[in-house]
């Protein structure tokens, strides 16, 4: 079973990628209606999901591990971007009009 054969360090690296991606996107995009904590949570889930999917597709070897890390970054970036695109305040501020 591939789930058991993935090393704990791989899971931790995927989680760290998600934390960094979520935090950076939350800070870079500023106050657009989505808290940084939500960005971090979504980043963690997306990077772990993306990394696991890439391991499943490419196998659990050295090449597959490297591809899974790249996949975790790409999936986290796409999901966080979609989150801000769908739920974020487009203008960056709230008009009282």
N, C-alpha and C. Protein backbone atom coordinates (compact mmCIF):
# COMPACT_ATOMS: atom_id res chain seq x y z
N UNK A 1 0.84 -1.18 0.00
CA UNK A 1 0.00 0.00 0.00
C UNK A 1 0.89 1.24 0.00
N UNK A 2 0.65 2.13 -0.92
CA UNK A 2 1.54 3.28 -1.10
C UNK A 2 1.41 4.29 0.05
N UNK A 3 0.25 4.36 0.69
CA UNK A 3 0.06 5.31 1.78
C UNK A 3 1.00 5.01 2.95
N UNK A 4 1.24 3.75 3.23
CA UNK A 4 2.13 3.36 4.32
C UNK A 4 3.60 3.51 3.97
N UNK A 5 3.92 3.44 2.68
CA UNK A 5 5.33 3.48 2.30
C UNK A 5 5.89 4.89 2.15
N UNK A 6 5.05 5.90 2.22
CA UNK A 6 5.53 7.28 2.13
C UNK A 6 6.16 7.66 3.47
N UNK A 7 7.38 8.16 3.43
CA UNK A 7 8.10 8.50 4.65
C UNK A 7 7.46 9.69 5.37
N UNK A 8 7.63 9.72 6.67
CA UNK A 8 7.08 10.81 7.48
C UNK A 8 7.67 12.15 7.09
N UNK A 9 8.93 12.15 6.68
CA UNK A 9 9.54 13.42 6.27
C UNK A 9 8.88 13.98 5.03
N UNK A 10 8.42 13.13 4.14
CA UNK A 10 7.72 13.60 2.94
C UNK A 10 6.42 14.28 3.33
N UNK A 11 5.68 13.68 4.25
CA UNK A 11 4.44 14.31 4.72
C UNK A 11 4.73 15.66 5.37
N UNK A 12 5.80 15.73 6.16
CA UNK A 12 6.16 16.99 6.82
C UNK A 12 6.57 18.05 5.80
N UNK A 13 7.32 17.66 4.79
CA UNK A 13 7.73 18.63 3.77
C UNK A 13 6.52 19.14 3.01
N UNK A 14 5.59 18.26 2.68
CA UNK A 14 4.35 18.72 2.02
C UNK A 14 3.61 19.71 2.91
N UNK A 15 3.53 19.42 4.21
CA UNK A 15 2.87 20.34 5.14
C UNK A 15 3.59 21.67 5.22
N UNK A 16 4.91 21.64 5.27
CA UNK A 16 5.68 22.90 5.31
C UNK A 16 5.50 23.70 4.02
N UNK A 17 5.46 23.02 2.89
CA UNK A 17 5.20 23.72 1.63
C UNK A 17 3.85 24.41 1.69
N UNK A 18 2.85 23.73 2.22
CA UNK A 18 1.52 24.32 2.34
C UNK A 18 1.49 25.51 3.29
N UNK A 19 2.20 25.40 4.41
CA UNK A 19 2.25 26.51 5.36
C UNK A 19 2.90 27.74 4.72
N UNK A 20 4.03 27.53 4.08
CA UNK A 20 4.73 28.65 3.44
C UNK A 20 3.90 29.24 2.31
N UNK A 21 3.31 28.39 1.48
CA UNK A 21 2.50 28.89 0.36
C UNK A 21 1.30 29.67 0.86
N UNK A 22 0.62 29.16 1.87
CA UNK A 22 -0.55 29.85 2.41
C UNK A 22 -0.20 31.16 3.08
N UNK A 23 0.85 31.14 3.87
CA UNK A 23 1.25 32.36 4.58
C UNK A 23 1.72 33.44 3.61
N UNK A 24 2.56 33.03 2.66
CA UNK A 24 3.05 34.02 1.69
C UNK A 24 1.93 34.60 0.85
N UNK A 25 1.02 33.77 0.41
CA UNK A 25 -0.08 34.29 -0.41
C UNK A 25 -0.98 35.20 0.42
N UNK A 26 -1.21 34.85 1.68
CA UNK A 26 -2.01 35.70 2.53
C UNK A 26 -1.38 37.06 2.75
N UNK A 27 -0.07 37.09 2.91
CA UNK A 27 0.63 38.36 3.11
C UNK A 27 0.76 39.15 1.81
N UNK A 28 1.03 38.46 0.72
CA UNK A 28 1.21 39.16 -0.56
C UNK A 28 -0.09 39.75 -1.09
N UNK A 29 -1.18 39.04 -0.90
CA UNK A 29 -2.45 39.52 -1.42
C UNK A 29 -3.15 40.48 -0.48
N UNK A 30 -2.63 40.61 0.73
CA UNK A 30 -3.16 41.59 1.66
C UNK A 30 -4.54 41.25 2.18
N UNK A 31 -5.24 42.26 2.60
CA UNK A 31 -6.56 42.09 3.19
C UNK A 31 -7.62 42.08 2.09
N UNK A 32 -7.88 40.92 1.56
CA UNK A 32 -8.89 40.78 0.51
C UNK A 32 -10.05 39.92 0.95
N UNK A 33 -10.35 39.92 2.22
CA UNK A 33 -11.52 39.22 2.71
C UNK A 33 -11.27 37.79 3.15
N UNK A 34 -10.06 37.28 2.98
CA UNK A 34 -9.75 35.91 3.39
C UNK A 34 -8.62 35.97 4.42
N UNK A 35 -8.84 35.43 5.61
CA UNK A 35 -7.79 35.48 6.64
C UNK A 35 -6.58 34.63 6.26
N UNK A 36 -5.44 35.00 6.79
CA UNK A 36 -4.20 34.27 6.52
C UNK A 36 -4.30 32.84 7.02
N UNK A 37 -4.97 32.64 8.14
CA UNK A 37 -5.13 31.29 8.68
C UNK A 37 -5.87 30.37 7.73
N UNK A 38 -6.87 30.89 7.06
CA UNK A 38 -7.60 30.08 6.07
C UNK A 38 -6.70 29.76 4.89
N UNK A 39 -5.87 30.71 4.48
CA UNK A 39 -4.93 30.46 3.38
C UNK A 39 -3.93 29.38 3.76
N UNK A 40 -3.46 29.41 4.99
CA UNK A 40 -2.50 28.40 5.45
C UNK A 40 -3.17 27.03 5.47
N UNK A 41 -4.39 26.95 5.99
CA UNK A 41 -5.09 25.66 6.05
C UNK A 41 -5.33 25.10 4.66
N UNK A 42 -5.78 25.94 3.75
CA UNK A 42 -6.01 25.49 2.38
C UNK A 42 -4.69 25.11 1.72
N UNK A 43 -3.63 25.86 1.99
CA UNK A 43 -2.32 25.54 1.43
C UNK A 43 -1.82 24.18 1.89
N UNK A 44 -2.01 23.87 3.17
CA UNK A 44 -1.58 22.57 3.69
C UNK A 44 -2.37 21.45 3.03
N UNK A 45 -3.69 21.59 2.99
CA UNK A 45 -4.51 20.55 2.39
C UNK A 45 -4.19 20.36 0.91
N UNK A 46 -4.00 21.46 0.19
CA UNK A 46 -3.72 21.37 -1.24
C UNK A 46 -2.35 20.76 -1.50
N UNK A 47 -1.35 21.14 -0.73
CA UNK A 47 -0.02 20.60 -0.99
C UNK A 47 0.08 19.13 -0.61
N UNK A 48 -0.56 18.72 0.48
CA UNK A 48 -0.56 17.30 0.85
C UNK A 48 -1.33 16.50 -0.19
N UNK A 49 -2.48 17.01 -0.61
CA UNK A 49 -3.25 16.32 -1.65
C UNK A 49 -2.52 16.24 -2.97
N UNK A 50 -1.91 17.35 -3.38
CA UNK A 50 -1.15 17.36 -4.62
C UNK A 50 0.07 16.47 -4.56
N UNK A 51 0.80 16.51 -3.46
CA UNK A 51 1.97 15.66 -3.30
C UNK A 51 1.61 14.19 -3.31
N UNK A 52 0.52 13.84 -2.63
CA UNK A 52 0.09 12.45 -2.59
C UNK A 52 -0.36 11.98 -3.98
N UNK A 53 -1.07 12.84 -4.70
CA UNK A 53 -1.51 12.47 -6.05
C UNK A 53 -0.32 12.25 -6.97
N UNK A 54 0.69 13.09 -6.87
CA UNK A 54 1.86 12.93 -7.73
C UNK A 54 2.65 11.68 -7.37
N UNK A 55 2.71 11.33 -6.08
CA UNK A 55 3.36 10.07 -5.67
C UNK A 55 2.57 8.89 -6.25
N UNK A 56 1.26 9.00 -6.20
CA UNK A 56 0.41 7.93 -6.73
C UNK A 56 0.62 7.76 -8.23
N UNK A 57 0.78 8.87 -8.95
CA UNK A 57 0.95 8.81 -10.42
C UNK A 57 2.35 8.37 -10.82
N UNK A 58 3.38 8.87 -10.13
CA UNK A 58 4.76 8.63 -10.56
C UNK A 58 5.49 7.56 -9.75
N UNK A 59 4.90 7.06 -8.68
CA UNK A 59 5.52 6.01 -7.90
C UNK A 59 6.35 6.56 -6.74
N UNK A 60 6.67 5.66 -5.84
CA UNK A 60 7.41 6.04 -4.64
C UNK A 60 8.89 5.69 -4.82
N UNK A 61 9.56 6.47 -5.66
CA UNK A 61 11.00 6.33 -5.85
C UNK A 61 11.62 7.72 -5.78
N UNK A 62 12.91 7.85 -6.00
CA UNK A 62 13.56 9.16 -5.89
C UNK A 62 12.98 10.15 -6.89
N UNK A 63 12.76 9.72 -8.10
CA UNK A 63 12.20 10.59 -9.13
C UNK A 63 10.77 11.00 -8.76
N UNK A 64 9.99 10.05 -8.26
CA UNK A 64 8.61 10.34 -7.86
C UNK A 64 8.54 11.29 -6.68
N UNK A 65 9.48 11.17 -5.75
CA UNK A 65 9.51 12.07 -4.59
C UNK A 65 9.76 13.51 -5.03
N UNK A 66 10.71 13.70 -5.93
CA UNK A 66 11.01 15.04 -6.41
C UNK A 66 9.83 15.63 -7.15
N UNK A 67 9.22 14.84 -8.01
CA UNK A 67 8.04 15.30 -8.75
C UNK A 67 6.90 15.61 -7.79
N UNK A 68 6.75 14.84 -6.72
CA UNK A 68 5.67 15.09 -5.77
C UNK A 68 5.86 16.42 -5.05
N UNK A 69 7.09 16.80 -4.77
CA UNK A 69 7.34 18.09 -4.12
C UNK A 69 7.00 19.24 -5.06
N UNK A 70 7.37 19.11 -6.32
CA UNK A 70 7.00 20.13 -7.31
C UNK A 70 5.49 20.17 -7.47
N UNK A 71 4.87 19.00 -7.50
CA UNK A 71 3.42 18.94 -7.61
C UNK A 71 2.72 19.58 -6.42
N UNK A 72 3.27 19.39 -5.23
CA UNK A 72 2.68 20.00 -4.04
C UNK A 72 2.71 21.52 -4.13
N UNK A 73 3.81 22.07 -4.61
CA UNK A 73 3.92 23.53 -4.78
C UNK A 73 2.91 24.02 -5.82
N UNK A 74 2.85 23.35 -6.95
CA UNK A 74 1.97 23.78 -8.04
C UNK A 74 0.50 23.69 -7.62
N UNK A 75 0.10 22.58 -7.03
CA UNK A 75 -1.30 22.41 -6.63
C UNK A 75 -1.67 23.41 -5.54
N UNK A 76 -0.80 23.63 -4.57
CA UNK A 76 -1.09 24.61 -3.52
C UNK A 76 -1.24 26.01 -4.12
N UNK A 77 -0.37 26.38 -5.04
CA UNK A 77 -0.46 27.70 -5.67
C UNK A 77 -1.76 27.87 -6.45
N UNK A 78 -2.14 26.86 -7.19
CA UNK A 78 -3.36 26.94 -8.00
C UNK A 78 -4.60 27.01 -7.11
N UNK A 79 -4.65 26.18 -6.08
CA UNK A 79 -5.82 26.17 -5.20
C UNK A 79 -5.93 27.48 -4.42
N UNK A 80 -4.83 28.00 -3.92
CA UNK A 80 -4.88 29.27 -3.19
C UNK A 80 -5.25 30.41 -4.12
N UNK A 81 -4.72 30.41 -5.34
CA UNK A 81 -5.10 31.43 -6.30
C UNK A 81 -6.60 31.36 -6.59
N UNK A 82 -7.13 30.16 -6.77
CA UNK A 82 -8.56 29.99 -7.03
C UNK A 82 -9.39 30.46 -5.84
N UNK A 83 -8.91 30.19 -4.62
CA UNK A 83 -9.60 30.64 -3.42
C UNK A 83 -9.72 32.16 -3.40
N UNK A 84 -8.62 32.84 -3.67
CA UNK A 84 -8.66 34.31 -3.69
C UNK A 84 -9.46 34.83 -4.87
N UNK A 85 -9.42 34.15 -5.98
CA UNK A 85 -10.18 34.58 -7.16
C UNK A 85 -11.68 34.45 -6.92
N UNK A 86 -12.10 33.38 -6.28
CA UNK A 86 -13.52 33.13 -6.07
C UNK A 86 -14.07 33.90 -4.87
N UNK A 87 -13.37 33.85 -3.74
CA UNK A 87 -13.92 34.40 -2.50
C UNK A 87 -13.33 35.73 -2.08
N UNK A 88 -12.24 36.14 -2.66
CA UNK A 88 -11.58 37.37 -2.23
C UNK A 88 -12.30 38.61 -2.71
N UNK A 89 -12.12 39.69 -1.96
CA UNK A 89 -12.65 40.99 -2.34
C UNK A 89 -11.81 41.53 -3.50
N UNK A 90 -12.41 41.77 -4.64
CA UNK A 90 -11.67 42.13 -5.84
C UNK A 90 -10.95 43.49 -5.72
N UNK A 91 -11.56 44.43 -5.06
CA UNK A 91 -10.99 45.76 -5.00
C UNK A 91 -9.96 45.95 -3.89
N UNK A 92 -9.97 45.06 -2.92
CA UNK A 92 -9.01 45.19 -1.82
C UNK A 92 -9.54 46.01 -0.66
N UNK A 93 -10.66 46.75 -0.89
CA UNK A 93 -11.27 47.49 0.20
C UNK A 93 -12.79 47.39 0.06
N UNK A 94 -13.46 47.70 1.13
CA UNK A 94 -14.92 47.58 1.15
C UNK A 94 -15.50 48.98 1.06
N UNK A 95 -16.31 49.23 0.05
CA UNK A 95 -16.95 50.53 -0.11
C UNK A 95 -18.21 50.58 0.71
N UNK A 96 -18.46 51.70 1.32
CA UNK A 96 -19.64 51.88 2.15
C UNK A 96 -20.82 52.38 1.33
N UNK A 97 -20.66 52.58 0.04
CA UNK A 97 -21.76 53.12 -0.79
C UNK A 97 -22.89 52.15 -0.95
